[in-house]
Amino acid sequence: MARDADLEDRVRAALSARSTVTEKAMFGGLAFMVDGKMVVSVGNGGGALLVRVPRERDDDYVGRPGARRAQMGAGRSMGQGWISVNAAALESDDDLQGWIDAATSSTPAPPAASRTTDPVQ
């Protein structure tokens, strides 16, 4: 799936209040990292947005409209905590923000020595 520049911009805006967001090409898409941990990625995982959620909350999120277990190739589940969200479920900024909040709700800050200071470019 090709990357979606508009969705990338919307994700940047949704994460703009965070001070330590970096972007990195990975998994064939553009991953957004908060405090060094990937929270979402645009254009991979079999949907418009790949979202990393807490494993213990996986069932809550995978059952939402437009969401399903992310796959790495045909029929290969990425496992609990990896959710693929289709574009129709991300139409409004509130919808997107809900997924960003889900992904960042339990992203603990790493020890100070390992924090990245690169701003979003």
Protein backbone atom coordinates (compact mmCIF):
# COMPACT_ATOMS: atom_id res chain seq x y z
CA MET A 1 0.00 0.00 0.00
CA ALA A 2 1.35 3.41 -0.95
CA ARG A 3 1.84 5.96 1.76
CA ASP A 4 -0.83 8.61 2.22
CA ALA A 5 0.76 12.08 2.51
CA ASP A 6 -2.48 13.63 3.75
CA LEU A 7 -2.80 11.06 6.55
CA GLU A 8 0.87 11.57 7.43
CA ASP A 9 0.20 15.31 7.82
CA ARG A 10 -2.87 14.62 9.96
CA VAL A 11 -0.86 12.29 12.21
CA ARG A 12 1.86 14.96 12.56
CA ALA A 13 -0.79 17.47 13.62
CA ALA A 14 -2.36 15.01 16.07
CA LEU A 15 1.04 14.40 17.68
CA SER A 16 2.18 18.05 17.55
CA ALA A 17 1.72 18.63 21.28
CA ARG A 18 4.30 15.93 22.06
CA SER A 19 7.86 17.15 22.45
CA THR A 20 9.73 14.02 21.35
CA VAL A 21 8.19 12.80 18.11
CA THR A 22 10.39 11.35 15.40
CA GLU A 23 9.56 9.81 12.05
CA LYS A 24 11.22 6.79 10.53
CA ALA A 25 10.60 4.81 7.37
CA MET A 26 9.89 1.21 8.39
CA PHE A 27 7.65 -1.71 7.47
CA GLY A 28 7.09 -0.07 4.07
CA GLY A 29 5.46 2.97 5.68
CA LEU A 30 6.26 6.00 7.78
CA ALA A 31 6.39 5.26 11.50
CA PHE A 32 5.81 7.91 14.14
CA MET A 33 7.78 7.39 17.32
CA VAL A 34 7.05 9.00 20.69
CA ASP A 35 9.89 8.88 23.19
CA GLY A 36 11.64 6.35 20.96
CA LYS A 37 8.71 3.92 20.72
CA MET A 38 6.61 3.40 17.62
CA VAL A 39 3.00 4.38 18.22
CA VAL A 40 1.53 4.51 14.70
CA SER A 41 2.65 4.01 11.13
CA VAL A 42 1.02 5.24 7.94
CA GLY A 43 0.66 2.92 4.96
CA ASN A 44 1.42 -0.58 6.20
CA GLY A 45 0.08 -3.47 8.25
CA GLY A 46 -2.70 -4.04 5.74
CA GLY A 47 -4.58 -0.79 6.39
CA ALA A 48 -4.24 2.97 6.22
CA LEU A 49 -2.85 3.19 9.76
CA LEU A 50 -0.94 0.64 11.84
CA VAL A 51 -1.54 1.34 15.52
CA ARG A 52 0.39 -0.11 18.46
CA VAL A 53 -1.91 -0.48 21.49
CA PRO A 54 -1.34 -2.05 24.90
CA ARG A 55 -1.68 -5.85 24.64
CA GLU A 56 -4.06 -5.91 27.60
CA ARG A 57 -6.44 -3.54 25.75
CA ASP A 58 -6.14 -5.30 22.39
CA ASP A 59 -9.66 -6.81 22.44
CA ASP A 60 -11.16 -3.38 23.13
CA TYR A 61 -9.58 -1.92 20.01
CA VAL A 62 -9.61 -4.77 17.49
CA GLY A 63 -13.41 -4.88 17.67
CA ARG A 64 -13.90 -1.24 16.70
CA PRO A 65 -15.38 -0.43 13.28
CA GLY A 66 -12.68 -0.42 10.60
CA ALA A 67 -10.12 -2.11 12.84
CA ARG A 68 -8.64 -5.59 12.60
CA ARG A 69 -5.54 -7.49 13.60
CA ALA A 70 -2.60 -6.22 11.56
CA GLN A 71 -0.91 -8.64 9.22
CA MET A 72 2.66 -8.92 8.01
CA GLY A 73 1.97 -10.48 4.64
CA ALA A 74 -0.92 -12.70 3.65
CA GLY A 75 -2.37 -14.51 6.65
CA ARG A 76 0.49 -13.70 9.05
CA SER A 77 -0.87 -11.91 12.11
CA MET A 78 1.39 -9.41 13.81
CA GLY A 79 -0.16 -10.50 17.13
CA GLN A 80 -1.88 -8.75 19.98
CA GLY A 81 -1.34 -5.04 20.26
CA TRP A 82 -0.97 -4.44 16.51
CA ILE A 83 -4.14 -3.03 14.96
CA SER A 84 -4.72 -2.11 11.32
CA VAL A 85 -7.25 0.68 10.81
CA ASN A 86 -8.82 1.29 7.41
CA ALA A 87 -9.16 4.75 5.87
CA ALA A 88 -12.95 4.91 6.32
CA ALA A 89 -12.47 4.69 10.09
CA LEU A 90 -10.12 7.69 10.01
CA GLU A 91 -12.24 10.17 8.08
CA SER A 92 -12.63 12.72 10.85
CA ASP A 93 -9.85 14.27 12.90
CA ASP A 94 -11.68 13.06 16.03
CA ASP A 95 -11.55 9.47 14.72
CA LEU A 96 -7.83 9.78 14.06
CA GLN A 97 -7.22 11.42 17.45
CA GLY A 98 -8.98 8.51 19.15
CA TRP A 99 -6.49 6.09 17.63
CA ILE A 100 -3.54 8.38 18.44
CA ASP A 101 -4.76 8.55 22.05
CA ALA A 102 -5.08 4.75 22.16
CA ALA A 103 -1.52 4.37 20.89
CA THR A 104 0.01 6.93 23.23
CA SER A 105 -2.01 6.18 26.37
CA SER A 106 0.55 3.79 27.75
CA THR A 107 3.74 4.93 26.07
CA PRO A 108 6.01 5.34 29.06
CA ALA A 109 8.92 7.70 28.76
CA PRO A 110 12.25 5.85 28.52
CA PRO A 111 15.08 6.70 30.91
CA ALA A 112 16.47 10.17 30.26
CA ALA A 113 19.71 8.80 28.78
CA SER A 114 17.86 7.07 25.93
CA ARG A 115 15.44 9.87 25.00
CA THR A 116 15.56 11.21 21.49
CA THR A 117 15.59 14.97 21.08
CA ASP A 118 15.06 15.08 17.31
CA PRO A 119 12.01 17.22 16.56
CA VAL A 120 9.54 16.25 13.85
CA GLN A 121 10.90 17.44 10.52
